Structure formats: structure tokens, C-alpha cells
ModelCIF file with pLDDT and N, C-alpha, C, O atoms, coordinates in Angstrom:
data_MODEL
#
_entry.id   MODEL 
#
_entity.id                         1 
_entity.type                       polymer 
_entity.pdbx_number_of_molecules   1 
#
_entity_poly.entity_id                      1 
_entity_poly.type                           'polypeptide(L)' 
_entity_poly.nstd_linkage                   no 
_entity_poly.nstd_monomer                   no 
_entity_poly.pdbx_seq_one_letter_code       TVTGRGITNYADSVKDRFTISRENAKNTVYLQMNSLGSEDTAVY 
_entity_poly.pdbx_seq_one_letter_code_can   TVTGRGITNYADSVKDRFTISRENAKNTVYLQMNSLGSEDTAVY 
_entity_poly.pdbx_strand_id                 A 
#
loop_
_entity_poly_seq.entity_id 
_entity_poly_seq.num 
_entity_poly_seq.mon_id 
_entity_poly_seq.hetero 
1 1  THR n 
1 2  VAL n 
1 3  THR n 
1 4  GLY n 
1 5  ARG n 
1 6  GLY n 
1 7  ILE n 
1 8  THR n 
1 9  ASN n 
1 10 TYR n 
1 11 ALA n 
1 12 ASP n 
1 13 SER n 
1 14 VAL n 
1 15 LYS n 
1 16 ASP n 
1 17 ARG n 
1 18 PHE n 
1 19 THR n 
1 20 ILE n 
1 21 SER n 
1 22 ARG n 
1 23 GLU n 
1 24 ASN n 
1 25 ALA n 
1 26 LYS n 
1 27 ASN n 
1 28 THR n 
1 29 VAL n 
1 30 TYR n 
1 31 LEU n 
1 32 GLN n 
1 33 MET n 
1 34 ASN n 
1 35 SER n 
1 36 LEU n 
1 37 GLY n 
1 38 SER n 
1 39 GLU n 
1 40 ASP n 
1 41 THR n 
1 42 ALA n 
1 43 VAL n 
1 44 TYR n 
#
_struct_asym.id          A 
_struct_asym.entity_id   1 
#
loop_
_ma_qa_metric.id 
_ma_qa_metric.mode 
_ma_qa_metric.name 
_ma_qa_metric.software_group_id 
_ma_qa_metric.type 
1 global pLDDT . pLDDT 
2 local  pLDDT . pLDDT 
#
_ma_qa_metric_global.metric_id      1 
_ma_qa_metric_global.metric_value   94.98 
_ma_qa_metric_global.model_id       1 
_ma_qa_metric_global.ordinal_id     1 
#
loop_
_ma_qa_metric_local.label_asym_id 
_ma_qa_metric_local.label_comp_id 
_ma_qa_metric_local.label_seq_id 
_ma_qa_metric_local.metric_id 
_ma_qa_metric_local.metric_value 
_ma_qa_metric_local.model_id 
_ma_qa_metric_local.ordinal_id 
A THR 1  2 97.00 1 1  
A VAL 2  2 96.00 1 2  
A THR 3  2 93.00 1 3  
A GLY 4  2 87.00 1 4  
A ARG 5  2 88.00 1 5  
A GLY 6  2 91.00 1 6  
A ILE 7  2 95.00 1 7  
A THR 8  2 97.00 1 8  
A ASN 9  2 97.00 1 9  
A TYR 10 2 98.00 1 10 
A ALA 11 2 98.00 1 11 
A ASP 12 2 97.00 1 12 
A SER 13 2 96.00 1 13 
A VAL 14 2 98.00 1 14 
A LYS 15 2 95.00 1 15 
A ASP 16 2 94.00 1 16 
A ARG 17 2 98.00 1 17 
A PHE 18 2 98.00 1 18 
A THR 19 2 98.00 1 19 
A ILE 20 2 98.00 1 20 
A SER 21 2 95.00 1 21 
A ARG 22 2 92.00 1 22 
A GLU 23 2 89.00 1 23 
A ASN 24 2 79.00 1 24 
A ALA 25 2 85.00 1 25 
A LYS 26 2 86.00 1 26 
A ASN 27 2 90.00 1 27 
A THR 28 2 93.00 1 28 
A VAL 29 2 95.00 1 29 
A TYR 30 2 97.00 1 30 
A LEU 31 2 98.00 1 31 
A GLN 32 2 98.00 1 32 
A MET 33 2 98.00 1 33 
A ASN 34 2 98.00 1 34 
A SER 35 2 98.00 1 35 
A LEU 36 2 98.00 1 36 
A GLY 37 2 98.00 1 37 
A SER 38 2 97.00 1 38 
A GLU 39 2 96.00 1 39 
A ASP 40 2 98.00 1 40 
A THR 41 2 98.00 1 41 
A ALA 42 2 98.00 1 42 
A VAL 43 2 98.00 1 43 
A TYR 44 2 98.00 1 44 
#
loop_
_atom_site.group_PDB 
_atom_site.id 
_atom_site.type_symbol 
_atom_site.label_atom_id 
_atom_site.label_alt_id 
_atom_site.label_comp_id 
_atom_site.label_asym_id 
_atom_site.label_entity_id 
_atom_site.label_seq_id 
_atom_site.pdbx_PDB_ins_code 
_atom_site.Cartn_x 
_atom_site.Cartn_y 
_atom_site.Cartn_z 
_atom_site.occupancy 
_atom_site.B_iso_or_equiv 
_atom_site.pdbx_formal_charge 
_atom_site.auth_seq_id 
_atom_site.auth_comp_id 
_atom_site.auth_asym_id 
_atom_site.auth_atom_id 
_atom_site.pdbx_PDB_model_num 
ATOM 1   N N  . THR A 1 1  ? -12.259 -22.258 -13.173 1.00 97.00 ? 1  THR A N  1 
ATOM 2   C CA . THR A 1 1  ? -13.310 -21.681 -13.180 1.00 97.00 ? 1  THR A CA 1 
ATOM 3   C C  . THR A 1 1  ? -14.157 -22.268 -14.127 1.00 97.00 ? 1  THR A C  1 
ATOM 4   O O  . THR A 1 1  ? -13.693 -22.587 -15.222 1.00 97.00 ? 1  THR A O  1 
ATOM 5   N N  . VAL A 1 2  ? -15.663 -22.506 -13.784 1.00 96.00 ? 2  VAL A N  1 
ATOM 6   C CA . VAL A 1 2  ? -16.656 -23.014 -14.998 1.00 96.00 ? 2  VAL A CA 1 
ATOM 7   C C  . VAL A 1 2  ? -17.669 -22.001 -15.132 1.00 96.00 ? 2  VAL A C  1 
ATOM 8   O O  . VAL A 1 2  ? -17.881 -21.293 -14.147 1.00 96.00 ? 2  VAL A O  1 
ATOM 9   N N  . THR A 1 3  ? -18.197 -21.849 -15.976 1.00 93.00 ? 3  THR A N  1 
ATOM 10  C CA . THR A 1 3  ? -19.416 -21.123 -16.105 1.00 93.00 ? 3  THR A CA 1 
ATOM 11  C C  . THR A 1 3  ? -20.585 -22.242 -16.111 1.00 93.00 ? 3  THR A C  1 
ATOM 12  O O  . THR A 1 3  ? -20.400 -23.443 -16.306 1.00 93.00 ? 3  THR A O  1 
ATOM 13  N N  . GLY A 1 4  ? -22.201 -21.419 -15.782 1.00 87.00 ? 4  GLY A N  1 
ATOM 14  C CA . GLY A 1 4  ? -23.370 -22.412 -15.790 1.00 87.00 ? 4  GLY A CA 1 
ATOM 15  C C  . GLY A 1 4  ? -23.423 -23.061 -16.719 1.00 87.00 ? 4  GLY A C  1 
ATOM 16  O O  . GLY A 1 4  ? -23.942 -24.149 -16.471 1.00 87.00 ? 4  GLY A O  1 
ATOM 17  N N  . ARG A 1 5  ? -23.000 -22.878 -18.176 1.00 88.00 ? 5  ARG A N  1 
ATOM 18  C CA . ARG A 1 5  ? -23.010 -23.700 -19.093 1.00 88.00 ? 5  ARG A CA 1 
ATOM 19  C C  . ARG A 1 5  ? -21.823 -24.238 -19.163 1.00 88.00 ? 5  ARG A C  1 
ATOM 20  O O  . ARG A 1 5  ? -21.298 -24.354 -20.270 1.00 88.00 ? 5  ARG A O  1 
ATOM 21  N N  . GLY A 1 6  ? -21.231 -24.627 -18.125 1.00 91.00 ? 6  GLY A N  1 
ATOM 22  C CA . GLY A 1 6  ? -20.182 -25.866 -18.712 1.00 91.00 ? 6  GLY A CA 1 
ATOM 23  C C  . GLY A 1 6  ? -18.597 -25.320 -19.231 1.00 91.00 ? 6  GLY A C  1 
ATOM 24  O O  . GLY A 1 6  ? -17.720 -26.126 -19.540 1.00 91.00 ? 6  GLY A O  1 
ATOM 25  N N  . ILE A 1 7  ? -18.419 -23.992 -19.265 1.00 95.00 ? 7  ILE A N  1 
ATOM 26  C CA . ILE A 1 7  ? -17.320 -23.316 -19.811 1.00 95.00 ? 7  ILE A CA 1 
ATOM 27  C C  . ILE A 1 7  ? -16.389 -23.768 -18.729 1.00 95.00 ? 7  ILE A C  1 
ATOM 28  O O  . ILE A 1 7  ? -16.694 -23.688 -17.540 1.00 95.00 ? 7  ILE A O  1 
ATOM 29  N N  . THR A 1 8  ? -15.213 -24.258 -19.172 1.00 97.00 ? 8  THR A N  1 
ATOM 30  C CA . THR A 1 8  ? -14.204 -24.243 -18.063 1.00 97.00 ? 8  THR A CA 1 
ATOM 31  C C  . THR A 1 8  ? -12.636 -23.393 -18.279 1.00 97.00 ? 8  THR A C  1 
ATOM 32  O O  . THR A 1 8  ? -12.213 -22.830 -19.289 1.00 97.00 ? 8  THR A O  1 
ATOM 33  N N  . ASN A 1 9  ? -12.340 -23.466 -17.656 1.00 97.00 ? 9  ASN A N  1 
ATOM 34  C CA . ASN A 1 9  ? -10.729 -22.491 -17.776 1.00 97.00 ? 9  ASN A CA 1 
ATOM 35  C C  . ASN A 1 9  ? -9.877  -22.975 -16.326 1.00 97.00 ? 9  ASN A C  1 
ATOM 36  O O  . ASN A 1 9  ? -10.289 -23.262 -15.202 1.00 97.00 ? 9  ASN A O  1 
ATOM 37  N N  . TYR A 1 10 ? -8.750  -22.927 -16.816 1.00 98.00 ? 10 TYR A N  1 
ATOM 38  C CA . TYR A 1 10 ? -7.691  -23.856 -15.769 1.00 98.00 ? 10 TYR A CA 1 
ATOM 39  C C  . TYR A 1 10 ? -6.396  -22.838 -15.969 1.00 98.00 ? 10 TYR A C  1 
ATOM 40  O O  . TYR A 1 10 ? -6.146  -22.141 -16.953 1.00 98.00 ? 10 TYR A O  1 
ATOM 41  N N  . ALA A 1 11 ? -5.720  -22.957 -14.848 1.00 98.00 ? 11 ALA A N  1 
ATOM 42  C CA . ALA A 1 11 ? -4.315  -22.211 -14.727 1.00 98.00 ? 11 ALA A CA 1 
ATOM 43  C C  . ALA A 1 11 ? -3.715  -23.470 -15.570 1.00 98.00 ? 11 ALA A C  1 
ATOM 44  O O  . ALA A 1 11 ? -4.054  -24.650 -15.662 1.00 98.00 ? 11 ALA A O  1 
ATOM 45  N N  . ASP A 1 12 ? -2.620  -22.652 -16.173 1.00 97.00 ? 12 ASP A N  1 
ATOM 46  C CA . ASP A 1 12 ? -1.836  -23.905 -16.931 1.00 97.00 ? 12 ASP A CA 1 
ATOM 47  C C  . ASP A 1 12 ? -0.936  -24.772 -16.073 1.00 97.00 ? 12 ASP A C  1 
ATOM 48  O O  . ASP A 1 12 ? -0.480  -25.789 -16.596 1.00 97.00 ? 12 ASP A O  1 
ATOM 49  N N  . SER A 1 13 ? -0.558  -24.426 -14.536 1.00 96.00 ? 13 SER A N  1 
ATOM 50  C CA . SER A 1 13 ? 0.253   -25.076 -13.544 1.00 96.00 ? 13 SER A CA 1 
ATOM 51  C C  . SER A 1 13 ? -0.803  -26.439 -13.395 1.00 96.00 ? 13 SER A C  1 
ATOM 52  O O  . SER A 1 13 ? -0.309  -27.550 -13.201 1.00 96.00 ? 13 SER A O  1 
ATOM 53  N N  . VAL A 1 14 ? -1.917  -26.302 -13.476 1.00 98.00 ? 14 VAL A N  1 
ATOM 54  C CA . VAL A 1 14 ? -3.205  -27.398 -12.748 1.00 98.00 ? 14 VAL A CA 1 
ATOM 55  C C  . VAL A 1 14 ? -3.943  -28.333 -13.780 1.00 98.00 ? 14 VAL A C  1 
ATOM 56  O O  . VAL A 1 14 ? -4.436  -29.435 -13.536 1.00 98.00 ? 14 VAL A O  1 
ATOM 57  N N  . LYS A 1 15 ? -3.911  -27.548 -15.196 1.00 95.00 ? 15 LYS A N  1 
ATOM 58  C CA . LYS A 1 15 ? -4.751  -28.002 -16.088 1.00 95.00 ? 15 LYS A CA 1 
ATOM 59  C C  . LYS A 1 15 ? -4.901  -29.577 -16.766 1.00 95.00 ? 15 LYS A C  1 
ATOM 60  O O  . LYS A 1 15 ? -5.790  -30.137 -17.407 1.00 95.00 ? 15 LYS A O  1 
ATOM 61  N N  . ASP A 1 16 ? -3.646  -29.946 -16.309 1.00 94.00 ? 16 ASP A N  1 
ATOM 62  C CA . ASP A 1 16 ? -3.592  -31.484 -16.714 1.00 94.00 ? 16 ASP A CA 1 
ATOM 63  C C  . ASP A 1 16 ? -3.615  -32.682 -15.632 1.00 94.00 ? 16 ASP A C  1 
ATOM 64  O O  . ASP A 1 16 ? -3.485  -33.870 -15.925 1.00 94.00 ? 16 ASP A O  1 
ATOM 65  N N  . ARG A 1 17 ? -3.818  -32.129 -14.232 1.00 98.00 ? 17 ARG A N  1 
ATOM 66  C CA . ARG A 1 17 ? -4.228  -32.618 -13.024 1.00 98.00 ? 17 ARG A CA 1 
ATOM 67  C C  . ARG A 1 17 ? -5.044  -32.463 -12.680 1.00 98.00 ? 17 ARG A C  1 
ATOM 68  O O  . ARG A 1 17 ? -5.548  -33.480 -12.204 1.00 98.00 ? 17 ARG A O  1 
ATOM 69  N N  . PHE A 1 18 ? -5.813  -31.322 -12.590 1.00 98.00 ? 18 PHE A N  1 
ATOM 70  C CA . PHE A 1 18 ? -7.507  -31.231 -11.861 1.00 98.00 ? 18 PHE A CA 1 
ATOM 71  C C  . PHE A 1 18 ? -8.341  -31.059 -12.734 1.00 98.00 ? 18 PHE A C  1 
ATOM 72  O O  . PHE A 1 18 ? -8.102  -30.614 -13.857 1.00 98.00 ? 18 PHE A O  1 
ATOM 73  N N  . THR A 1 19 ? -9.576  -31.449 -12.238 1.00 98.00 ? 19 THR A N  1 
ATOM 74  C CA . THR A 1 19 ? -10.963 -31.319 -12.958 1.00 98.00 ? 19 THR A CA 1 
ATOM 75  C C  . THR A 1 19 ? -12.154 -30.382 -12.366 1.00 98.00 ? 19 THR A C  1 
ATOM 76  O O  . THR A 1 19 ? -12.771 -30.610 -11.325 1.00 98.00 ? 19 THR A O  1 
ATOM 77  N N  . ILE A 1 20 ? -12.297 -29.575 -13.009 1.00 98.00 ? 20 ILE A N  1 
ATOM 78  C CA . ILE A 1 20 ? -13.600 -28.342 -12.323 1.00 98.00 ? 20 ILE A CA 1 
ATOM 79  C C  . ILE A 1 20 ? -14.725 -28.794 -12.868 1.00 98.00 ? 20 ILE A C  1 
ATOM 80  O O  . ILE A 1 20 ? -14.786 -28.919 -14.091 1.00 98.00 ? 20 ILE A O  1 
ATOM 81  N N  . SER A 1 21 ? -15.831 -29.123 -12.029 1.00 95.00 ? 21 SER A N  1 
ATOM 82  C CA . SER A 1 21 ? -17.457 -29.602 -12.680 1.00 95.00 ? 21 SER A CA 1 
ATOM 83  C C  . SER A 1 21 ? -18.422 -28.808 -11.749 1.00 95.00 ? 21 SER A C  1 
ATOM 84  O O  . SER A 1 21 ? -18.110 -28.538 -10.589 1.00 95.00 ? 21 SER A O  1 
ATOM 85  N N  . ARG A 1 22 ? -19.429 -28.501 -12.225 1.00 92.00 ? 22 ARG A N  1 
ATOM 86  C CA . ARG A 1 22 ? -20.421 -27.670 -11.552 1.00 92.00 ? 22 ARG A CA 1 
ATOM 87  C C  . ARG A 1 22 ? -21.902 -28.649 -11.633 1.00 92.00 ? 22 ARG A C  1 
ATOM 88  O O  . ARG A 1 22 ? -22.259 -29.100 -12.721 1.00 92.00 ? 22 ARG A O  1 
ATOM 89  N N  . GLU A 1 23 ? -22.653 -28.898 -10.437 1.00 89.00 ? 23 GLU A N  1 
ATOM 90  C CA . GLU A 1 23 ? -24.093 -29.539 -10.744 1.00 89.00 ? 23 GLU A CA 1 
ATOM 91  C C  . GLU A 1 23 ? -24.770 -27.852 -10.286 1.00 89.00 ? 23 GLU A C  1 
ATOM 92  O O  . GLU A 1 23 ? -24.664 -27.266 -9.208  1.00 89.00 ? 23 GLU A O  1 
ATOM 93  N N  . ASN A 1 24 ? -25.318 -27.502 -11.289 1.00 79.00 ? 24 ASN A N  1 
ATOM 94  C CA . ASN A 1 24 ? -26.028 -26.347 -10.945 1.00 79.00 ? 24 ASN A CA 1 
ATOM 95  C C  . ASN A 1 24 ? -27.541 -26.982 -10.539 1.00 79.00 ? 24 ASN A C  1 
ATOM 96  O O  . ASN A 1 24 ? -28.329 -26.225 -11.106 1.00 79.00 ? 24 ASN A O  1 
ATOM 97  N N  . ALA A 1 25 ? -28.083 -27.702 -10.040 1.00 85.00 ? 25 ALA A N  1 
ATOM 98  C CA . ALA A 1 25 ? -29.340 -28.261 -9.646  1.00 85.00 ? 25 ALA A CA 1 
ATOM 99  C C  . ALA A 1 25 ? -28.709 -28.452 -8.301  1.00 85.00 ? 25 ALA A C  1 
ATOM 100 O O  . ALA A 1 25 ? -29.641 -28.699 -7.534  1.00 85.00 ? 25 ALA A O  1 
ATOM 101 N N  . LYS A 1 26 ? -27.904 -28.456 -7.835  1.00 86.00 ? 26 LYS A N  1 
ATOM 102 C CA . LYS A 1 26 ? -27.509 -28.608 -6.293  1.00 86.00 ? 26 LYS A CA 1 
ATOM 103 C C  . LYS A 1 26 ? -26.530 -27.466 -5.805  1.00 86.00 ? 26 LYS A C  1 
ATOM 104 O O  . LYS A 1 26 ? -25.926 -27.449 -4.732  1.00 86.00 ? 26 LYS A O  1 
ATOM 105 N N  . ASN A 1 27 ? -26.491 -26.361 -6.974  1.00 90.00 ? 27 ASN A N  1 
ATOM 106 C CA . ASN A 1 27 ? -25.572 -25.261 -6.320  1.00 90.00 ? 27 ASN A CA 1 
ATOM 107 C C  . ASN A 1 27 ? -24.500 -25.543 -5.823  1.00 90.00 ? 27 ASN A C  1 
ATOM 108 O O  . ASN A 1 27 ? -24.108 -24.984 -4.799  1.00 90.00 ? 27 ASN A O  1 
ATOM 109 N N  . THR A 1 28 ? -23.714 -26.601 -6.538  1.00 93.00 ? 28 THR A N  1 
ATOM 110 C CA . THR A 1 28 ? -22.400 -26.801 -5.853  1.00 93.00 ? 28 THR A CA 1 
ATOM 111 C C  . THR A 1 28 ? -21.331 -26.992 -7.008  1.00 93.00 ? 28 THR A C  1 
ATOM 112 O O  . THR A 1 28 ? -21.842 -27.190 -8.110  1.00 93.00 ? 28 THR A O  1 
ATOM 113 N N  . VAL A 1 29 ? -20.213 -26.976 -6.977  1.00 95.00 ? 29 VAL A N  1 
ATOM 114 C CA . VAL A 1 29 ? -18.972 -26.888 -7.725  1.00 95.00 ? 29 VAL A CA 1 
ATOM 115 C C  . VAL A 1 29 ? -17.920 -27.784 -6.766  1.00 95.00 ? 29 VAL A C  1 
ATOM 116 O O  . VAL A 1 29 ? -17.828 -27.741 -5.540  1.00 95.00 ? 29 VAL A O  1 
ATOM 117 N N  . TYR A 1 30 ? -17.181 -28.584 -7.681  1.00 97.00 ? 30 TYR A N  1 
ATOM 118 C CA . TYR A 1 30 ? -16.362 -29.836 -7.416  1.00 97.00 ? 30 TYR A CA 1 
ATOM 119 C C  . TYR A 1 30 ? -14.892 -29.213 -8.169  1.00 97.00 ? 30 TYR A C  1 
ATOM 120 O O  . TYR A 1 30 ? -14.780 -28.471 -9.145  1.00 97.00 ? 30 TYR A O  1 
ATOM 121 N N  . LEU A 1 31 ? -13.952 -29.772 -7.382  1.00 98.00 ? 31 LEU A N  1 
ATOM 122 C CA . LEU A 1 31 ? -12.559 -29.568 -7.632  1.00 98.00 ? 31 LEU A CA 1 
ATOM 123 C C  . LEU A 1 31 ? -11.860 -31.064 -7.730  1.00 98.00 ? 31 LEU A C  1 
ATOM 124 O O  . LEU A 1 31 ? -11.461 -31.461 -6.636  1.00 98.00 ? 31 LEU A O  1 
ATOM 125 N N  . GLN A 1 32 ? -11.707 -31.684 -8.490  1.00 98.00 ? 32 GLN A N  1 
ATOM 126 C CA . GLN A 1 32 ? -10.863 -32.922 -8.392  1.00 98.00 ? 32 GLN A CA 1 
ATOM 127 C C  . GLN A 1 32 ? -9.371  -32.702 -8.723  1.00 98.00 ? 32 GLN A C  1 
ATOM 128 O O  . GLN A 1 32 ? -8.866  -32.309 -9.774  1.00 98.00 ? 32 GLN A O  1 
ATOM 129 N N  . MET A 1 33 ? -8.695  -33.120 -7.350  1.00 98.00 ? 33 MET A N  1 
ATOM 130 C CA . MET A 1 33 ? -7.322  -32.785 -7.852  1.00 98.00 ? 33 MET A CA 1 
ATOM 131 C C  . MET A 1 33 ? -6.813  -34.177 -7.975  1.00 98.00 ? 33 MET A C  1 
ATOM 132 O O  . MET A 1 33 ? -7.475  -35.017 -7.366  1.00 98.00 ? 33 MET A O  1 
ATOM 133 N N  . ASN A 1 34 ? -5.577  -34.676 -8.763  1.00 98.00 ? 34 ASN A N  1 
ATOM 134 C CA . ASN A 1 34 ? -4.970  -35.487 -9.006  1.00 98.00 ? 34 ASN A CA 1 
ATOM 135 C C  . ASN A 1 34 ? -3.624  -35.338 -8.921  1.00 98.00 ? 34 ASN A C  1 
ATOM 136 O O  . ASN A 1 34 ? -3.190  -34.188 -8.978  1.00 98.00 ? 34 ASN A O  1 
ATOM 137 N N  . SER A 1 35 ? -2.618  -36.539 -8.756  1.00 98.00 ? 35 SER A N  1 
ATOM 138 C CA . SER A 1 35 ? -1.229  -36.001 -8.610  1.00 98.00 ? 35 SER A CA 1 
ATOM 139 C C  . SER A 1 35 ? -0.802  -34.867 -8.246  1.00 98.00 ? 35 SER A C  1 
ATOM 140 O O  . SER A 1 35 ? -0.320  -33.973 -8.941  1.00 98.00 ? 35 SER A O  1 
ATOM 141 N N  . LEU A 1 36 ? -1.051  -34.919 -6.721  1.00 98.00 ? 36 LEU A N  1 
ATOM 142 C CA . LEU A 1 36 ? -0.558  -33.395 -5.960  1.00 98.00 ? 36 LEU A CA 1 
ATOM 143 C C  . LEU A 1 36 ? 0.708   -33.641 -5.735  1.00 98.00 ? 36 LEU A C  1 
ATOM 144 O O  . LEU A 1 36 ? 1.286   -34.728 -5.737  1.00 98.00 ? 36 LEU A O  1 
ATOM 145 N N  . GLY A 1 37 ? 1.276   -32.182 -5.466  1.00 98.00 ? 37 GLY A N  1 
ATOM 146 C CA . GLY A 1 37 ? 2.580   -31.986 -5.037  1.00 98.00 ? 37 GLY A CA 1 
ATOM 147 C C  . GLY A 1 37 ? 2.631   -31.168 -4.176  1.00 98.00 ? 37 GLY A C  1 
ATOM 148 O O  . GLY A 1 37 ? 1.645   -30.833 -3.519  1.00 98.00 ? 37 GLY A O  1 
ATOM 149 N N  . SER A 1 38 ? 3.740   -30.719 -4.030  1.00 97.00 ? 38 SER A N  1 
ATOM 150 C CA . SER A 1 38 ? 4.183   -29.989 -2.703  1.00 97.00 ? 38 SER A CA 1 
ATOM 151 C C  . SER A 1 38 ? 3.332   -28.245 -2.854  1.00 97.00 ? 38 SER A C  1 
ATOM 152 O O  . SER A 1 38 ? 2.726   -27.572 -2.019  1.00 97.00 ? 38 SER A O  1 
ATOM 153 N N  . GLU A 1 39 ? 3.633   -28.028 -4.184  1.00 96.00 ? 39 GLU A N  1 
ATOM 154 C CA . GLU A 1 39 ? 3.354   -26.811 -4.771  1.00 96.00 ? 39 GLU A CA 1 
ATOM 155 C C  . GLU A 1 39 ? 1.837   -26.786 -5.035  1.00 96.00 ? 39 GLU A C  1 
ATOM 156 O O  . GLU A 1 39 ? 1.325   -25.921 -5.745  1.00 96.00 ? 39 GLU A O  1 
ATOM 157 N N  . ASP A 1 40 ? 1.077   -27.851 -4.388  1.00 98.00 ? 40 ASP A N  1 
ATOM 158 C CA . ASP A 1 40 ? -0.450  -27.531 -4.423  1.00 98.00 ? 40 ASP A CA 1 
ATOM 159 C C  . ASP A 1 40 ? -0.950  -27.302 -3.248  1.00 98.00 ? 40 ASP A C  1 
ATOM 160 O O  . ASP A 1 40 ? -2.151  -27.081 -3.093  1.00 98.00 ? 40 ASP A O  1 
ATOM 161 N N  . THR A 1 41 ? 0.142   -27.331 -2.011  1.00 98.00 ? 41 THR A N  1 
ATOM 162 C CA . THR A 1 41 ? -0.487  -26.921 -0.685  1.00 98.00 ? 41 THR A CA 1 
ATOM 163 C C  . THR A 1 41 ? -0.902  -25.718 -0.689  1.00 98.00 ? 41 THR A C  1 
ATOM 164 O O  . THR A 1 41 ? -0.224  -24.922 -1.339  1.00 98.00 ? 41 THR A O  1 
ATOM 165 N N  . ALA A 1 42 ? -2.186  -25.180 0.058   1.00 98.00 ? 42 ALA A N  1 
ATOM 166 C CA . ALA A 1 42 ? -2.670  -23.812 0.155   1.00 98.00 ? 42 ALA A CA 1 
ATOM 167 C C  . ALA A 1 42 ? -4.004  -24.006 0.613   1.00 98.00 ? 42 ALA A C  1 
ATOM 168 O O  . ALA A 1 42 ? -4.642  -25.056 0.529   1.00 98.00 ? 42 ALA A O  1 
ATOM 169 N N  . VAL A 1 43 ? -4.389  -22.915 1.107   1.00 98.00 ? 43 VAL A N  1 
ATOM 170 C CA . VAL A 1 43 ? -6.044  -22.638 1.697   1.00 98.00 ? 43 VAL A CA 1 
ATOM 171 C C  . VAL A 1 43 ? -6.803  -22.779 0.059   1.00 98.00 ? 43 VAL A C  1 
ATOM 172 O O  . VAL A 1 43 ? -5.967  -22.632 -0.833  1.00 98.00 ? 43 VAL A O  1 
ATOM 173 N N  . TYR A 1 44 ? -7.678  -22.936 -0.247  1.00 98.00 ? 44 TYR A N  1 
ATOM 174 C CA . TYR A 1 44 ? -8.362  -23.052 -1.561  1.00 98.00 ? 44 TYR A CA 1 
ATOM 175 C C  . TYR A 1 44 ? -9.856  -22.681 -1.323  1.00 98.00 ? 44 TYR A C  1 
ATOM 176 O O  . TYR A 1 44 ? -10.652 -22.697 -2.262  1.00 98.00 ? 44 TYR A O  1 
#
């Protein structure tokens, strides 16, 4: 998760691999996922 002021929170299982970001002007949030494994298979 990420707040409008940029404070982030990650699950322990992804914190070293995923990055969340938010562009408030575009009303958009992103999730960059690296080093993906089978445990990451899911509906997001």
C-alpha cells in the first residue's frame, strides 16, 4: 500500500522484490514486480 504522501507498506514476502508507487496527478498506482516466482501467481 501507499498513501497520498508516499508512505509505503509491504508484505514481508514481497518487500525485497516489489515496489509500489503512486502518481497522484494521474490518479494511478503502480506495482513493479521483480524476481517473480510461482508463489506470486494470483489475481491482483
